PDB file of N, CA and C in Angstrom:
ATOM      1  N   MET A   1      27.230  -9.950 -18.249  1.00  0.00           N
ATOM      2  CA  MET A   1      27.016  -8.153 -18.091  1.00  0.00           C
ATOM      3  C   MET A   1      28.406  -7.973 -18.890  1.00  0.00           C
ATOM      4  N   ASP A   2      28.537  -6.797 -19.531  1.00  0.00           N
ATOM      5  CA  ASP A   2      30.311  -6.760 -20.103  1.00  0.00           C
ATOM      6  C   ASP A   2      31.176  -6.205 -19.120  1.00  0.00           C
ATOM      7  N   SER A   3      31.021  -6.030 -17.807  1.00  0.00           N
ATOM      8  CA  SER A   3      32.018  -6.555 -16.620  1.00  0.00           C
ATOM      9  C   SER A   3      32.252  -7.673 -16.376  1.00  0.00           C
ATOM     10  N   GLY A   4      31.458  -8.733 -16.739  1.00  0.00           N
ATOM     11  CA  GLY A   4      32.274  -9.775 -16.542  1.00  0.00           C
ATOM     12  C   GLY A   4      31.209 -10.506 -15.116  1.00  0.00           C
ATOM     13  N   LYS A   5      30.443  -9.508 -14.478  1.00  0.00           N
ATOM     14  CA  LYS A   5      29.608  -9.883 -13.707  1.00  0.00           C
ATOM     15  C   LYS A   5      28.276 -10.719 -13.676  1.00  0.00           C
ATOM     16  N   LYS A   6      28.070 -11.797 -13.460  1.00  0.00           N
ATOM     17  CA  LYS A   6      26.729 -12.579 -13.475  1.00  0.00           C
ATOM     18  C   LYS A   6      25.384 -11.730 -13.045  1.00  0.00           C
ATOM     19  N   VAL A   7      24.530 -11.540 -13.574  1.00  0.00           N
ATOM     20  CA  VAL A   7      23.375 -11.312 -13.342  1.00  0.00           C
ATOM     21  C   VAL A   7      22.280 -12.252 -13.344  1.00  0.00           C
ATOM     22  N   ALA A   8      21.342 -12.754 -12.583  1.00  0.00           N
ATOM     23  CA  ALA A   8      19.999 -13.449 -13.248  1.00  0.00           C
ATOM     24  C   ALA A   8      18.716 -12.843 -12.937  1.00  0.00           C
ATOM     25  N   THR A   9      17.763 -12.432 -13.652  1.00  0.00           N
ATOM     26  CA  THR A   9      16.453 -12.540 -13.212  1.00  0.00           C
ATOM     27  C   THR A   9      15.633 -13.453 -13.132  1.00  0.00           C
ATOM     28  N   ILE A  10      14.575 -13.427 -12.185  1.00  0.00           N
ATOM     29  CA  ILE A  10      13.800 -14.418 -12.224  1.00  0.00           C
ATOM     30  C   ILE A  10      12.227 -13.814 -11.877  1.00  0.00           C
ATOM     31  N   SER A  11      11.374 -14.417 -12.004  1.00  0.00           N
ATOM     32  CA  SER A  11      10.180 -13.904 -11.241  1.00  0.00           C
ATOM     33  C   SER A  11       9.713 -14.914 -10.280  1.00  0.00           C
ATOM     34  N   ILE A  12       8.808 -14.489  -9.061  1.00  0.00           N
ATOM     35  CA  ILE A  12       8.428 -15.419  -8.000  1.00  0.00           C
ATOM     36  C   ILE A  12       7.056 -14.957  -7.970  1.00  0.00           C
ATOM     37  N   ALA A  13       6.257 -16.227  -7.457  1.00  0.00           N
ATOM     38  CA  ALA A  13       4.789 -16.175  -7.245  1.00  0.00           C
ATOM     39  C   ALA A  13       4.708 -16.044  -5.577  1.00  0.00           C
ATOM     40  N   THR A  14       3.731 -15.085  -4.936  1.00  0.00           N
ATOM     41  CA  THR A  14       3.181 -15.621  -3.632  1.00  0.00           C
ATOM     42  C   THR A  14       1.587 -15.385  -3.899  1.00  0.00           C
ATOM     43  N   ASN A  15       1.911 -16.658  -3.015  1.00  0.00           N
ATOM     44  CA  ASN A  15       0.192 -17.154  -2.610  1.00  0.00           C
ATOM     45  C   ASN A  15      -0.522 -16.299  -1.274  1.00  0.00           C
ATOM     46  N   GLU A  16      -1.375 -15.892  -1.223  1.00  0.00           N
ATOM     47  CA  GLU A  16      -2.353 -15.555   0.139  1.00  0.00           C
ATOM     48  C   GLU A  16      -3.435 -16.243   0.074  1.00  0.00           C
ATOM     49  N   ILE A  17      -3.960 -17.103   0.913  1.00  0.00           N
ATOM     50  CA  ILE A  17      -5.258 -17.536   1.213  1.00  0.00           C
ATOM     51  C   ILE A  17      -5.951 -17.092   2.575  1.00  0.00           C
ATOM     52  N   TYR A  18      -7.161 -16.601   2.175  1.00  0.00           N
ATOM     53  CA  TYR A  18      -7.823 -15.689   3.317  1.00  0.00           C
ATOM     54  C   TYR A  18      -9.051 -15.528   2.935  1.00  0.00           C
ATOM     55  N   ARG A  19      -9.657 -15.613   3.962  1.00  0.00           N
ATOM     56  CA  ARG A  19     -11.329 -15.807   4.504  1.00  0.00           C
ATOM     57  C   ARG A  19     -12.107 -14.207   4.394  1.00  0.00           C
ATOM     58  N   ASP A  20     -12.805 -14.152   2.671  1.00  0.00           N
ATOM     59  CA  ASP A  20     -13.346 -12.423   2.533  1.00  0.00           C
ATOM     60  C   ASP A  20     -14.292 -12.497   3.803  1.00  0.00           C
ATOM     61  N   GLY A  21     -15.696 -11.274   3.696  1.00  0.00           N
ATOM     62  CA  GLY A  21     -16.457 -10.678   4.405  1.00  0.00           C
ATOM     63  C   GLY A  21     -16.833 -11.697   4.807  1.00  0.00           C
ATOM     64  N   LYS A  22     -17.876 -12.654   3.495  1.00  0.00           N
ATOM     65  CA  LYS A  22     -18.695 -13.557   3.626  1.00  0.00           C
ATOM     66  C   LYS A  22     -18.773 -14.663   4.107  1.00  0.00           C
ATOM     67  N   GLY A  23     -16.940 -15.313   4.324  1.00  0.00           N
ATOM     68  CA  GLY A  23     -16.178 -16.062   5.005  1.00  0.00           C
ATOM     69  C   GLY A  23     -15.764 -17.236   4.274  1.00  0.00           C
ATOM     70  N   GLU A  24     -15.904 -17.008   2.488  1.00  0.00           N
ATOM     71  CA  GLU A  24     -15.846 -17.566   1.684  1.00  0.00           C
ATOM     72  C   GLU A  24     -13.977 -17.194   1.709  1.00  0.00           C
ATOM     73  N   LYS A  25     -13.534 -18.719   1.085  1.00  0.00           N
ATOM     74  CA  LYS A  25     -12.258 -19.037   0.727  1.00  0.00           C
ATOM     75  C   LYS A  25     -11.805 -18.372  -0.122  1.00  0.00           C
ATOM     76  N   GLN A  26     -10.965 -16.973   0.147  1.00  0.00           N
ATOM     77  CA  GLN A  26     -10.008 -16.588  -1.687  1.00  0.00           C
ATOM     78  C   GLN A  26      -8.411 -16.748  -1.892  1.00  0.00           C
ATOM     79  N   SER A  27      -8.225 -16.777  -2.784  1.00  0.00           N
ATOM     80  CA  SER A  27      -6.369 -16.906  -2.980  1.00  0.00           C
ATOM     81  C   SER A  27      -6.044 -16.000  -4.298  1.00  0.00           C
ATOM     82  N   GLU A  28      -5.030 -15.021  -3.365  1.00  0.00           N
ATOM     83  CA  GLU A  28      -4.438 -14.047  -4.882  1.00  0.00           C
ATOM     84  C   GLU A  28      -3.178 -14.159  -4.759  1.00  0.00           C
ATOM     85  N   THR A  29      -2.519 -14.226  -6.111  1.00  0.00           N
ATOM     86  CA  THR A  29      -1.596 -14.578  -6.290  1.00  0.00           C
ATOM     87  C   THR A  29      -0.404 -13.156  -6.879  1.00  0.00           C
ATOM     88  N   THR A  30       0.611 -12.821  -6.165  1.00  0.00           N
ATOM     89  CA  THR A  30       1.484 -11.892  -6.948  1.00  0.00           C
ATOM     90  C   THR A  30       2.380 -12.132  -7.142  1.00  0.00           C
ATOM     91  N   TRP A  31       2.835 -11.443  -8.124  1.00  0.00           N
ATOM     92  CA  TRP A  31       4.267 -11.634  -8.720  1.00  0.00           C
ATOM     93  C   TRP A  31       5.333 -10.728  -8.754  1.00  0.00           C
ATOM     94  N   HIS A  32       6.861 -11.521  -8.517  1.00  0.00           N
ATOM     95  CA  HIS A  32       7.761 -10.470  -8.286  1.00  0.00           C
ATOM     96  C   HIS A  32       8.716 -10.484  -8.950  1.00  0.00           C
ATOM     97  N   ARG A  33       9.672  -9.768  -8.862  1.00  0.00           N
ATOM     98  CA  ARG A  33      11.142  -9.722  -9.654  1.00  0.00           C
ATOM     99  C   ARG A  33      11.879  -9.902  -8.819  1.00  0.00           C
ATOM    100  N   LEU A  34      13.068 -10.433  -9.120  1.00  0.00           N
ATOM    101  CA  LEU A  34      13.998 -10.955  -8.462  1.00  0.00           C
ATOM    102  C   LEU A  34      15.178 -11.032  -8.949  1.00  0.00           C
ATOM    103  N   VAL A  35      16.438 -10.189  -8.560  1.00  0.00           N
ATOM    104  CA  VAL A  35      17.791  -9.978  -9.271  1.00  0.00           C
ATOM    105  C   VAL A  35      18.768 -11.111  -8.704  1.00  0.00           C
ATOM    106  N   ALA A  36      19.490 -11.181  -8.811  1.00  0.00           N
ATOM    107  CA  ALA A  36      20.442 -12.053  -7.913  1.00  0.00           C
ATOM    108  C   ALA A  36      21.921 -11.633  -8.855  1.00  0.00           C
ATOM    109  N   TRP A  37      22.662 -11.474  -7.924  1.00  0.00           N
ATOM    110  CA  TRP A  37      24.444 -11.099  -8.979  1.00  0.00           C
ATOM    111  C   TRP A  37      24.969 -12.099  -8.211  1.00  0.00           C
ATOM    112  N   GLY A  38      26.280 -12.768  -9.056  1.00  0.00           N
ATOM    113  CA  GLY A  38      27.287 -13.292  -8.689  1.00  0.00           C
ATOM    114  C   GLY A  38      27.065 -14.847  -8.152  1.00  0.00           C
ATOM    115  N   LYS A  39      27.178 -15.541  -7.183  1.00  0.00           N
ATOM    116  CA  LYS A  39      27.090 -16.801  -6.628  1.00  0.00           C
ATOM    117  C   LYS A  39      25.305 -16.613  -6.425  1.00  0.00           C
ATOM    118  N   GLN A  40      25.024 -16.024  -6.108  1.00  0.00           N
ATOM    119  CA  GLN A  40      23.476 -16.184  -5.950  1.00  0.00           C
ATOM    120  C   GLN A  40      22.828 -16.606  -7.720  1.00  0.00           C
ATOM    121  N   ALA A  41      23.989 -15.696  -8.437  1.00  0.00           N
ATOM    122  CA  ALA A  41      23.199 -15.912 -10.179  1.00  0.00           C
ATOM    123  C   ALA A  41      23.455 -17.114 -10.384  1.00  0.00           C
ATOM    124  N   ASP A  42      24.580 -17.603  -9.973  1.00  0.00           N
ATOM    125  CA  ASP A  42      25.017 -18.801 -10.099  1.00  0.00           C
ATOM    126  C   ASP A  42      24.230 -20.008  -9.910  1.00  0.00           C
ATOM    127  N   ILE A  43      23.896 -19.704  -8.724  1.00  0.00           N
ATOM    128  CA  ILE A  43      22.772 -20.492  -8.005  1.00  0.00           C
ATOM    129  C   ILE A  43      21.613 -20.873  -8.576  1.00  0.00           C
ATOM    130  N   VAL A  44      21.111 -19.367  -9.108  1.00  0.00           N
ATOM    131  CA  VAL A  44      19.725 -19.526  -9.853  1.00  0.00           C
ATOM    132  C   VAL A  44      19.830 -20.265 -11.631  1.00  0.00           C
ATOM    133  N   GLU A  45      21.256 -19.940 -11.968  1.00  0.00           N
ATOM    134  CA  GLU A  45      21.361 -20.678 -13.249  1.00  0.00           C
ATOM    135  C   GLU A  45      21.589 -21.929 -13.480  1.00  0.00           C
ATOM    136  N   SER A  46      22.171 -22.766 -12.049  1.00  0.00           N
ATOM    137  CA  SER A  46      22.701 -24.023 -12.030  1.00  0.00           C
ATOM    138  C   SER A  46      21.572 -24.615 -11.732  1.00  0.00           C
ATOM    139  N   TYR A  47      20.879 -24.163 -10.842  1.00  0.00           N
ATOM    140  CA  TYR A  47      19.571 -25.438  -9.982  1.00  0.00           C
ATOM    141  C   TYR A  47      18.689 -25.073  -9.615  1.00  0.00           C
ATOM    142  N   LEU A  48      17.998 -23.896 -10.497  1.00  0.00           N
ATOM    143  CA  LEU A  48      16.203 -22.817  -9.875  1.00  0.00           C
ATOM    144  C   LEU A  48      15.992 -23.877 -11.614  1.00  0.00           C
ATOM    145  N   LYS A  49      14.581 -24.436 -11.210  1.00  0.00           N
ATOM    146  CA  LYS A  49      13.860 -24.116 -12.927  1.00  0.00           C
ATOM    147  C   LYS A  49      12.720 -23.975 -12.485  1.00  0.00           C
ATOM    148  N   LYS A  50      11.749 -23.525 -13.229  1.00  0.00           N
ATOM    149  CA  LYS A  50      10.129 -23.807 -12.879  1.00  0.00           C
ATOM    150  C   LYS A  50       9.304 -24.424 -12.489  1.00  0.00           C
ATOM    151  N   GLY A  51       8.906 -23.602 -11.107  1.00  0.00           N
ATOM    152  CA  GLY A  51       8.038 -24.430 -10.307  1.00  0.00           C
ATOM    153  C   GLY A  51       9.211 -24.693  -8.954  1.00  0.00           C
ATOM    154  N   SER A  52      10.702 -24.379  -8.533  1.00  0.00           N
ATOM    155  CA  SER A  52      11.246 -24.571  -7.841  1.00  0.00           C
ATOM    156  C   SER A  52      10.579 -24.074  -6.852  1.00  0.00           C
ATOM    157  N   GLU A  53      10.997 -24.200  -5.389  1.00  0.00           N
ATOM    158  CA  GLU A  53      10.472 -23.813  -4.328  1.00  0.00           C
ATOM    159  C   GLU A  53      11.587 -22.942  -3.385  1.00  0.00           C
ATOM    160  N   ILE A  54      11.556 -22.052  -3.213  1.00  0.00           N
ATOM    161  CA  ILE A  54      12.699 -21.081  -2.942  1.00  0.00           C
ATOM    162  C   ILE A  54      12.254 -20.185  -1.296  1.00  0.00           C
ATOM    163  N   ALA A  55      12.951 -19.455  -0.744  1.00  0.00           N
ATOM    164  CA  ALA A  55      13.066 -18.686   0.461  1.00  0.00           C
ATOM    165  C   ALA A  55      13.964 -17.493  -0.018  1.00  0.00           C
ATOM    166  N   VAL A  56      13.431 -16.261  -0.110  1.00  0.00           N
ATOM    167  CA  VAL A  56      14.727 -15.423  -0.578  1.00  0.00           C
ATOM    168  C   VAL A  56      14.654 -13.995   0.698  1.00  0.00           C
ATOM    169  N   GLU A  57      15.689 -13.716   0.984  1.00  0.00           N
ATOM    170  CA  GLU A  57      15.985 -12.644   1.757  1.00  0.00           C
ATOM    171  C   GLU A  57      16.661 -11.445   0.810  1.00  0.00           C
ATOM    172  N   GLY A  58      16.082 -10.583   0.874  1.00  0.00           N
ATOM    173  CA  GLY A  58      16.882  -9.751   0.391  1.00  0.00           C
ATOM    174  C   GLY A  58      16.145  -7.824   0.629  1.00  0.00           C
ATOM    175  N   LYS A  59      16.893  -6.978  -0.233  1.00  0.00           N
ATOM    176  CA  LYS A  59      16.207  -5.630  -0.502  1.00  0.00           C
ATOM    177  C   LYS A  59      15.521  -4.936  -1.604  1.00  0.00           C
ATOM    178  N   LEU A  60      14.447  -4.266  -1.337  1.00  0.00           N
ATOM    179  CA  LEU A  60      13.353  -3.984  -1.936  1.00  0.00           C
ATOM    180  C   LEU A  60      14.365  -2.367  -2.983  1.00  0.00           C
ATOM    181  N   THR A  61      13.928  -2.691  -4.243  1.00  0.00           N
ATOM    182  CA  THR A  61      14.563  -1.581  -4.745  1.00  0.00           C
ATOM    183  C   THR A  61      13.588  -1.043  -5.877  1.00  0.00           C
ATOM    184  N   ASN A  62      13.216   0.217  -5.924  1.00  0.00           N
ATOM    185  CA  ASN A  62      12.571   0.705  -7.436  1.00  0.00           C
ATOM    186  C   ASN A  62      13.359   1.185  -8.036  1.00  0.00           C
ATOM    187  N   ARG A  63      13.173   1.207  -9.386  1.00  0.00           N
ATOM    188  CA  ARG A  63      13.807   2.326 -10.821  1.00  0.00           C
ATOM    189  C   ARG A  63      12.883   2.255 -11.460  1.00  0.00           C
ATOM    190  N   SER A  64      13.205   3.345 -12.355  1.00  0.00           N
ATOM    191  CA  SER A  64      12.612   4.281 -14.061  1.00  0.00           C
ATOM    192  C   SER A  64      13.877   3.361 -15.003  1.00  0.00           C
ATOM    193  N   TYR A  65      13.295   3.099 -16.219  1.00  0.00           N
ATOM    194  CA  TYR A  65      13.710   3.572 -17.047  1.00  0.00           C
ATOM    195  C   TYR A  65      12.652   3.612 -18.391  1.00  0.00           C
ATOM    196  N   ASP A  66      12.991   4.614 -19.506  1.00  0.00           N
ATOM    197  CA  ASP A  66      12.473   4.964 -20.466  1.00  0.00           C
ATOM    198  C   ASP A  66      12.134   3.546 -21.342  1.00  0.00           C
ATOM    199  N   ASP A  67      11.089   3.556 -22.041  1.00  0.00           N
ATOM    200  CA  ASP A  67      10.542   2.582 -22.759  1.00  0.00           C
ATOM    201  C   ASP A  67      10.802   3.186 -24.643  1.00  0.00           C
ATOM    202  N   LYS A  68      10.832   1.819 -25.652  1.00  0.00           N
ATOM    203  CA  LYS A  68      11.041   2.205 -26.260  1.00  0.00           C
ATOM    204  C   LYS A  68       9.955   2.998 -26.845  1.00  0.00           C
ATOM    205  N   ASN A  69       9.604   3.485 -26.760  1.00  0.00           N
ATOM    206  CA  ASN A  69       8.313   4.792 -27.145  1.00  0.00           C
ATOM    207  C   ASN A  69       8.874   6.181 -26.049  1.00  0.00           C
ATOM    208  N   GLY A  70      10.032   5.955 -25.087  1.00  0.00           N
ATOM    209  CA  GLY A  70      10.379   7.386 -24.398  1.00  0.00           C
ATOM    210  C   GLY A  70       9.353   7.166 -23.851  1.00  0.00           C
ATOM    211  N   ASP A  71       8.213   6.576 -23.076  1.00  0.00           N
ATOM    212  CA  ASP A  71       7.573   6.578 -21.805  1.00  0.00           C
ATOM    213  C   ASP A  71       8.606   5.839 -20.766  1.00  0.00           C
ATOM    214  N   LYS A  72       8.243   6.972 -19.547  1.00  0.00           N
ATOM    215  CA  LYS A  72       8.990   6.419 -18.454  1.00  0.00           C
ATOM    216  C   LYS A  72       7.988   5.315 -17.495  1.00  0.00           C
ATOM    217  N   GLN A  73       8.501   4.196 -17.649  1.00  0.00           N
ATOM    218  CA  GLN A  73       7.847   3.118 -16.983  1.00  0.00           C
ATOM    219  C   GLN A  73       8.802   2.733 -15.134  1.00  0.00           C
ATOM    220  N   TYR A  74       7.976   2.283 -14.427  1.00  0.00           N
ATOM    221  CA  TYR A  74       8.141   2.462 -12.685  1.00  0.00           C
ATOM    222  C   TYR A  74       8.704   0.771 -12.586  1.00  0.00           C
ATOM    223  N   ILE A  75       9.290   0.163 -12.158  1.00  0.00           N
ATOM    224  CA  ILE A  75       9.373  -1.305 -11.088  1.00  0.00           C
ATOM    225  C   ILE A  75      10.131  -1.030 -10.014  1.00  0.00           C
ATOM    226  N   THR A  76       9.459  -2.426  -9.433  1.00  0.00           N
ATOM    227  CA  THR A  76       9.939  -2.469  -7.950  1.00  0.00           C
ATOM    228  C   THR A  76      10.335  -4.114  -8.109  1.00  0.00           C
ATOM    229  N   GLU A  77      11.839  -3.955  -7.766  1.00  0.00           N
ATOM    230  CA  GLU A  77      12.654  -5.378  -8.213  1.00  0.00           C
ATOM    231  C   GLU A  77      13.497  -5.956  -6.577  1.00  0.00           C
ATOM    232  N   VAL A  78      13.299  -6.912  -6.560  1.00  0.00           N
ATOM    233  CA  VAL A  78      13.823  -7.530  -4.930  1.00  0.00           C
ATOM    234  C   VAL A  78      15.210  -7.895  -5.021  1.00  0.00           C
ATOM    235  N   VAL A  79      16.344  -7.581  -4.726  1.00  0.00           N
ATOM    236  CA  VAL A  79      17.851  -7.481  -4.560  1.00  0.00           C
ATOM    237  C   VAL A  79      18.038  -8.600  -3.853  1.00  0.00           C
ATOM    238  N   VAL A  80      18.552 -10.076  -4.682  1.00  0.00           N
ATOM    239  CA  VAL A  80      18.664 -11.189  -3.806  1.00  0.00           C
ATOM    240  C   VAL A  80      20.528 -10.588  -2.995  1.00  0.00           C
ATOM    241  N   ASN A  81      19.901 -11.033  -1.197  1.00  0.00           N
ATOM    242  CA  ASN A  81      21.510 -11.016  -0.495  1.00  0.00           C
ATOM    243  C   ASN A  81      21.037 -12.668  -0.052  1.00  0.00           C
ATOM    244  N   SER A  82      20.063 -13.018  -0.136  1.00  0.00           N
ATOM    245  CA  SER A  82      20.362 -14.891  -0.024  1.00  0.00           C
ATOM    246  C   SER A  82      19.387 -15.456  -0.633  1.00  0.00           C
ATOM    247  N   LEU A  83      19.725 -16.880  -0.718  1.00  0.00           N
ATOM    248  CA  LEU A  83      18.963 -18.028  -1.125  1.00  0.00           C
ATOM    249  C   LEU A  83      18.862 -18.934  -0.743  1.00  0.00           C
ATOM    250  N   LEU A  84      17.503 -19.267  -0.452  1.00  0.00           N
ATOM    251  CA  LEU A  84      17.440 -21.090   0.260  1.00  0.00           C
ATOM    252  C   LEU A  84      16.346 -21.763  -0.772  1.00  0.00           C
ATOM    253  N   MET A  85      17.132 -23.083  -1.312  1.00  0.00           N
ATOM    254  CA  MET A  85      16.023 -23.625  -2.360  1.00  0.00           C
ATOM    255  C   MET A  85      15.309 -24.608  -0.987  1.00  0.00           C
ATOM    256  N   LEU A  86      14.390 -24.720  -1.568  1.00  0.00           N
ATOM    257  CA  LEU A  86      13.724 -25.381  -0.134  1.00  0.00           C
ATOM    258  C   LEU A  86      12.742 -26.706  -1.081  1.00  0.00           C
ATOM    259  N   ASP A  87      12.937 -27.256  -2.081  1.00  0.00           N
ATOM    260  CA  ASP A  87      12.759 -28.277  -2.628  1.00  0.00           C
ATOM    261  C   ASP A  87      13.814 -29.429  -2.248  1.00  0.00           C
ATOM    262  N   LYS A  88      13.109 -30.748  -1.641  1.00  0.00           N
ATOM    263  CA  LYS A  88      13.573 -31.713  -1.699  1.00  0.00           C
ATOM    264  C   LYS A  88      14.141 -32.457  -2.701  1.00  0.00           C
ATOM    265  N   ASN A  89      15.303 -33.279  -2.180  1.00  0.00           N
ATOM    266  CA  ASN A  89      15.532 -34.099  -3.973  1.00  0.00           C
ATOM    267  C   ASN A  89      14.717 -34.965  -4.266  1.00  0.00           C
ATOM    268  N   LYS A  90      14.687 -35.463  -4.694  1.00  0.00           N
ATOM    269  CA  LYS A  90      13.277 -36.379  -5.885  1.00  0.00           C
ATOM    270  C   LYS A  90      14.230 -37.605  -6.240  1.00  0.00           C
ATOM    271  N   LYS A  91      14.349 -38.526  -5.645  1.00  0.00           N
ATOM    272  CA  LYS A  91      14.875 -40.009  -6.616  1.00  0.00           C
ATOM    273  C   LYS A  91      13.939 -40.521  -6.959  1.00  0.00           C
TER     274      LYS A  91
END
């Protein structure tokens, strides 16, 4: 950022597995946008890669912006307060 503060945005997927009304196993994936600032952004940049398993704690925020066509777009993000890497070191 212009102010010198580091920011990282990533997407994570959560999976829910459940049984439907017929008893058949179903799986649903939902994508979430995360925003990490400062030291959390450093961790994202230095240690995470596609497929990394993480646990996050944060605050849900909603914001809007005007896209290039002038249409208002709404977005929900998780502003990361803490991040825990769950991957084990693979040797």
